[in-house]
Amino acid sequence: MERLPISTEHCTVERDGHVVIVTMNRPEARNAFSGSMLLGLAEAWQYMTDEPDVRVGILTGAEGTFCAGADLKAMGQPPSDPEIKARMDRIENWHWKGLLRDGRPTKPLICAIEGWAVAGGTELLTGTDLRVVAEGATLGLYEAKRGLFPMGGSAIRLPRQIGYANAMDILLTARSITPREALDMGLINKIVPNGSALAAARELAGQIAECGPLAVQAILRTYRETEHLPEEEALKISDEIGWPVIGSEDAKEGSKAFKEKRPPEYKGK
């Protein structure tokens, strides 16, 4: 894999063909957020959007932990590296973008979770599109227990993703959630053995990368732009997004490859 120069001290960004792998790398603090980490995340999401040949991303954490949320002391410290400070100055709202509250990538993002994924860790999960979780992981939004508020958007996203009753259970009790509960609620896609979340996410990413990239991105965009519209309005937007995909070179290649009984070679055109 190729390590990308947008990596920071606490965020490693790597490229493996069509897949970008982003690793929160501050294990001594259970991968709690720092300014350097959030900046790296924000730039990784922008890279995913900007690079035409990137088709899917994976977000994970180093050394058996996903993310334990905010480290307010670390996030409040100005960076000592002038290059990091300059990069922060160039990106508006880099902290919200890193947290996936704003500026989500236009390509699918999979989270691969081991160990702790609480507070901001679970908030990150709600900003991803597919969620693979190890059986021994711990999820939860602890903010209310600490007199805080989930600023990453979970008070809005959770009820929309898993329904009012399940969302209020998580948000108002501020209790820990097991992977089995999360799966039953529809919060995650898959539970895997401990130590295998990243491998399972990479397998899933490979399946997505084999699909037509224009089709995948159009499906994602259609959902995001029509989620709360009446069906009649939503279908108009769906048609506007979908018809160009139907007429694309990728669509022709998909049909041709099917007839010729071979894997398609999509170009994203």
Protein backbone atom coordinates (compact mmCIF):
# COMPACT_ATOMS: atom_id res chain seq x y z
CA MET A 1 0.00 0.00 0.00
CA GLU A 2 1.04 3.59 -0.63
CA ARG A 3 1.11 5.97 2.33
CA LEU A 4 -0.26 9.33 1.18
CA PRO A 5 1.39 12.65 2.10
CA ILE A 6 -1.83 13.96 3.63
CA SER A 7 -1.20 11.59 6.56
CA THR A 8 -0.56 13.26 9.92
CA GLU A 9 0.98 12.22 13.22
CA HIS A 10 -2.32 10.72 14.40
CA CYS A 11 -3.97 9.78 11.10
CA THR A 12 -2.49 7.43 8.50
CA VAL A 13 -3.98 7.59 5.00
CA GLU A 14 -3.06 4.82 2.58
CA ARG A 15 -4.07 3.88 -0.96
CA ASP A 16 -4.47 0.34 -2.25
CA GLY A 17 -5.72 0.48 -5.83
CA HIS A 18 -9.29 1.82 -5.81
CA VAL A 19 -9.47 1.72 -1.99
CA VAL A 20 -8.34 4.34 0.55
CA ILE A 21 -7.68 3.08 4.09
CA VAL A 22 -7.73 5.68 6.87
CA THR A 23 -6.37 4.69 10.29
CA MET A 24 -6.80 6.76 13.44
CA ASN A 25 -3.39 6.29 15.01
CA ARG A 26 -3.22 7.45 18.62
CA PRO A 27 -3.44 4.14 20.47
CA GLU A 28 -1.89 5.48 23.70
CA ALA A 29 -5.13 7.50 24.09
CA ARG A 30 -7.51 4.86 22.66
CA ASN A 31 -7.38 6.84 19.41
CA ALA A 32 -9.18 9.80 20.98
CA PHE A 33 -9.39 12.82 18.70
CA SER A 34 -6.59 15.33 18.43
CA GLY A 35 -6.39 18.29 16.07
CA SER A 36 -3.85 16.44 13.97
CA MET A 37 -6.15 13.43 13.70
CA LEU A 38 -9.23 15.43 12.67
CA LEU A 39 -7.22 17.34 10.08
CA GLY A 40 -5.97 14.09 8.57
CA LEU A 41 -9.50 12.72 8.48
CA ALA A 42 -10.84 15.86 6.81
CA GLU A 43 -8.17 15.74 4.13
CA ALA A 44 -8.73 12.02 3.59
CA TRP A 45 -12.44 12.57 2.88
CA GLN A 46 -11.64 15.37 0.44
CA TYR A 47 -9.05 13.18 -1.28
CA MET A 48 -11.64 10.43 -1.68
CA THR A 49 -14.03 12.87 -3.31
CA ASP A 50 -11.45 14.50 -5.57
CA GLU A 51 -9.65 11.40 -6.88
CA PRO A 52 -11.62 9.88 -9.78
CA ASP A 53 -9.97 6.48 -9.44
CA VAL A 54 -10.86 6.09 -5.75
CA ARG A 55 -14.06 4.06 -5.43
CA VAL A 56 -14.42 3.31 -1.72
CA GLY A 57 -12.83 4.10 1.64
CA ILE A 58 -12.31 2.30 4.96
CA LEU A 59 -12.03 3.99 8.36
CA THR A 60 -10.43 2.06 11.23
CA GLY A 61 -8.34 2.52 14.36
CA ALA A 62 -4.85 1.39 15.28
CA GLU A 63 -3.98 -1.43 17.69
CA GLY A 64 -7.40 -2.94 18.37
CA THR A 65 -9.32 0.24 19.21
CA PHE A 66 -11.52 2.36 16.97
CA CYS A 67 -11.96 5.69 18.79
CA ALA A 68 -12.81 6.76 22.34
CA GLY A 69 -14.11 10.19 21.30
CA ALA A 70 -12.81 13.67 22.02
CA ASP A 71 -9.68 14.54 23.93
CA LEU A 72 -10.58 18.15 24.73
CA LYS A 73 -7.11 18.94 26.06
CA ALA A 74 -5.36 17.65 22.94
CA MET A 75 -7.87 19.27 20.60
CA GLY A 76 -7.42 22.63 22.32
CA GLN A 77 -3.65 22.70 21.91
CA PRO A 78 -2.33 24.60 18.88
CA PRO A 79 -0.18 22.41 16.60
CA SER A 80 3.58 22.72 17.03
CA ASP A 81 4.19 21.81 13.39
CA PRO A 82 3.83 24.93 11.20
CA GLU A 83 2.87 22.79 8.19
CA ILE A 84 -0.06 21.27 10.11
CA LYS A 85 -1.17 24.74 11.21
CA ALA A 86 -1.02 25.99 7.62
CA ARG A 87 -3.13 23.04 6.46
CA MET A 88 -5.68 23.77 9.19
CA ASP A 89 -5.84 27.40 8.13
CA ARG A 90 -6.60 26.39 4.54
CA ILE A 91 -9.58 24.15 5.38
CA GLU A 92 -12.74 25.73 6.72
CA ASN A 93 -14.37 23.73 9.53
CA TRP A 94 -11.74 20.98 9.29
CA HIS A 95 -12.82 19.59 12.65
CA TRP A 96 -16.46 19.11 11.56
CA LYS A 97 -15.34 17.68 8.25
CA GLY A 98 -13.00 15.25 9.97
CA LEU A 99 -15.87 14.12 12.20
CA LEU A 100 -18.02 13.47 9.08
CA ARG A 101 -20.53 16.05 10.26
CA ASP A 102 -19.81 18.14 7.15
CA GLY A 103 -18.17 17.34 3.83
CA ARG A 104 -18.79 13.59 3.72
CA PRO A 105 -16.98 11.91 0.81
CA THR A 106 -18.99 11.23 -2.33
CA LYS A 107 -17.74 7.63 -2.40
CA PRO A 108 -18.93 4.92 0.05
CA LEU A 109 -17.14 4.79 3.38
CA ILE A 110 -16.93 1.60 5.48
CA CYS A 111 -15.97 1.63 9.16
CA ALA A 112 -14.06 -1.33 10.58
CA ILE A 113 -14.44 -1.32 14.36
CA GLU A 114 -12.49 -3.16 17.03
CA GLY A 115 -12.54 -2.40 20.75
CA TRP A 116 -13.85 0.95 21.94
CA ALA A 117 -16.01 3.03 19.59
CA VAL A 118 -17.77 5.33 22.02
CA ALA A 119 -18.85 8.98 22.12
CA GLY A 120 -17.16 10.52 19.06
CA GLY A 121 -16.30 7.02 17.88
CA THR A 122 -19.98 6.15 17.54
CA GLU A 123 -20.62 9.58 16.03
CA LEU A 124 -18.10 8.75 13.31
CA LEU A 125 -19.90 5.45 12.74
CA THR A 126 -23.17 7.28 12.00
CA GLY A 127 -21.41 9.26 9.26
CA THR A 128 -20.27 6.13 7.40
CA ASP A 129 -22.25 4.07 4.91
CA LEU A 130 -21.41 0.48 5.93
CA ARG A 131 -20.34 -0.75 9.37
CA VAL A 132 -18.32 -3.88 10.21
CA VAL A 133 -17.87 -4.47 13.94
CA ALA A 134 -15.86 -7.03 15.91
CA GLU A 135 -17.83 -9.11 18.40
CA GLY A 136 -15.92 -7.72 21.38
CA ALA A 137 -16.41 -4.04 20.51
CA THR A 138 -18.21 -1.51 22.68
CA LEU A 139 -20.41 1.20 21.17
CA GLY A 140 -22.29 4.06 22.80
CA LEU A 141 -22.93 7.78 22.96
CA TYR A 142 -21.86 8.79 26.49
CA GLU A 143 -22.32 12.55 26.11
CA ALA A 144 -25.53 12.92 28.16
CA LYS A 145 -23.96 10.99 31.05
CA ARG A 146 -21.21 13.61 31.15
CA GLY A 147 -23.55 16.57 30.75
CA LEU A 148 -22.40 17.07 27.16
CA PHE A 149 -24.07 17.07 23.74
CA PRO A 150 -23.24 14.90 20.69
CA MET A 151 -22.08 17.69 18.38
CA GLY A 152 -21.19 15.32 15.53
CA GLY A 153 -24.80 15.07 14.42
CA SER A 154 -25.96 11.88 16.13
CA ALA A 155 -29.02 13.51 17.74
CA ILE A 156 -30.27 14.02 14.18
CA ARG A 157 -28.83 11.03 12.36
CA LEU A 158 -29.63 8.22 14.78
CA PRO A 159 -33.44 8.64 14.73
CA ARG A 160 -33.31 8.77 10.94
CA GLN A 161 -31.13 5.69 10.67
CA ILE A 162 -32.58 3.34 13.29
CA GLY A 163 -35.92 4.86 14.35
CA TYR A 164 -36.98 7.05 17.25
CA ALA A 165 -37.26 4.47 20.04
CA ASN A 166 -33.88 2.82 19.40
CA ALA A 167 -32.16 6.19 18.96
CA MET A 168 -33.54 7.59 22.21
CA ASP A 169 -32.46 4.41 24.01
CA ILE A 170 -28.88 5.07 22.92
CA LEU A 171 -28.88 8.86 23.27
CA LEU A 172 -30.82 9.38 26.51
CA THR A 173 -29.50 6.47 28.59
CA ALA A 174 -25.91 7.08 27.44
CA ARG A 175 -25.27 3.39 28.06
CA SER A 176 -22.89 1.00 26.33
CA ILE A 177 -24.29 -0.89 23.34
CA THR A 178 -23.13 -4.37 22.37
CA PRO A 179 -22.54 -5.29 18.72
CA ARG A 180 -25.49 -7.70 18.89
CA GLU A 181 -27.81 -4.91 20.06
CA ALA A 182 -26.44 -2.62 17.36
CA LEU A 183 -27.06 -5.26 14.70
CA ASP A 184 -30.60 -5.87 15.92
CA MET A 185 -31.28 -2.12 15.83
CA GLY A 186 -29.99 -1.86 12.26
CA LEU A 187 -27.11 0.39 13.30
CA ILE A 188 -24.41 -1.90 11.87
CA ASN A 189 -24.16 -4.34 8.97
CA LYS A 190 -22.06 -7.22 10.22
CA ILE A 191 -20.45 -8.71 13.34
CA VAL A 192 -17.13 -10.50 12.82
CA PRO A 193 -14.63 -12.27 15.10
CA ASN A 194 -12.24 -10.08 17.07
CA GLY A 195 -9.23 -9.04 15.04
CA SER A 196 -10.92 -9.48 11.66
CA ALA A 197 -12.92 -6.25 11.21
CA LEU A 198 -10.45 -4.65 8.82
CA ALA A 199 -10.12 -7.80 6.72
CA ALA A 200 -13.91 -8.07 6.48
CA ALA A 201 -14.17 -4.39 5.55
CA ARG A 202 -11.54 -4.84 2.85
CA GLU A 203 -13.50 -7.73 1.39
CA LEU A 204 -16.61 -5.56 1.35
CA ALA A 205 -14.66 -2.69 -0.21
CA GLY A 206 -13.43 -5.03 -2.93
CA GLN A 207 -16.99 -5.97 -3.80
CA ILE A 208 -17.96 -2.30 -4.07
CA ALA A 209 -14.86 -1.46 -6.12
CA GLU A 210 -15.85 -4.10 -8.68
CA CYS A 211 -19.15 -2.30 -9.35
CA GLY A 212 -19.57 0.59 -11.75
CA PRO A 213 -18.25 3.67 -9.90
CA LEU A 214 -20.72 6.04 -11.53
CA ALA A 215 -23.59 3.79 -10.48
CA VAL A 216 -22.35 3.45 -6.90
CA GLN A 217 -21.81 7.19 -6.46
CA ALA A 218 -25.17 8.00 -8.04
CA ILE A 219 -27.00 5.63 -5.69
CA LEU A 220 -25.28 7.21 -2.68
CA ARG A 221 -25.99 10.73 -3.91
CA THR A 222 -29.64 9.95 -4.64
CA TYR A 223 -30.23 8.68 -1.12
CA ARG A 224 -28.55 11.67 0.50
CA GLU A 225 -30.41 14.23 -1.62
CA THR A 226 -33.87 12.67 -1.31
CA GLU A 227 -33.91 11.10 2.15
CA HIS A 228 -36.73 13.27 3.52
CA LEU A 229 -38.54 14.31 0.36
CA PRO A 230 -41.97 13.05 -0.69
CA GLU A 231 -41.70 10.16 -3.16
CA GLU A 232 -42.87 12.18 -6.17
CA GLU A 233 -40.21 14.85 -5.63
CA ALA A 234 -37.59 12.24 -4.82
CA LEU A 235 -38.23 10.33 -8.03
CA LYS A 236 -37.63 13.46 -10.11
CA ILE A 237 -34.22 13.90 -8.52
CA SER A 238 -33.54 10.18 -8.86
CA ASP A 239 -34.24 10.43 -12.61
CA GLU A 240 -31.96 13.45 -12.97
CA ILE A 241 -29.13 11.55 -11.32
CA GLY A 242 -29.87 8.12 -12.79
CA TRP A 243 -30.41 8.73 -16.50
CA PRO A 244 -26.84 9.93 -17.17
CA VAL A 245 -25.59 6.71 -15.56
CA ILE A 246 -27.84 4.62 -17.82
CA GLY A 247 -26.33 6.36 -20.86
CA SER A 248 -22.72 6.16 -19.70
CA GLU A 249 -19.81 4.25 -21.21
CA ASP A 250 -19.70 2.21 -17.98
CA ALA A 251 -23.27 1.05 -18.55
CA LYS A 252 -22.38 -0.07 -22.06
CA GLU A 253 -19.31 -1.86 -20.73
CA GLY A 254 -21.37 -3.62 -18.06
CA SER A 255 -23.79 -5.02 -20.64
CA LYS A 256 -20.98 -5.97 -23.01
CA ALA A 257 -19.02 -7.75 -20.27
CA PHE A 258 -22.14 -9.67 -19.21
CA LYS A 259 -22.72 -10.89 -22.77
CA GLU A 260 -19.05 -11.83 -23.16
CA LYS A 261 -18.99 -13.57 -19.76
CA ARG A 262 -16.03 -11.60 -18.44
CA PRO A 263 -15.40 -9.10 -15.61
CA PRO A 264 -16.25 -5.53 -16.65
CA GLU A 265 -13.50 -2.93 -16.93
CA TYR A 266 -15.14 0.24 -15.67
CA LYS A 267 -13.52 3.62 -16.31
CA GLY A 268 -15.92 5.87 -14.45
CA LYS A 269 -17.11 7.47 -17.70
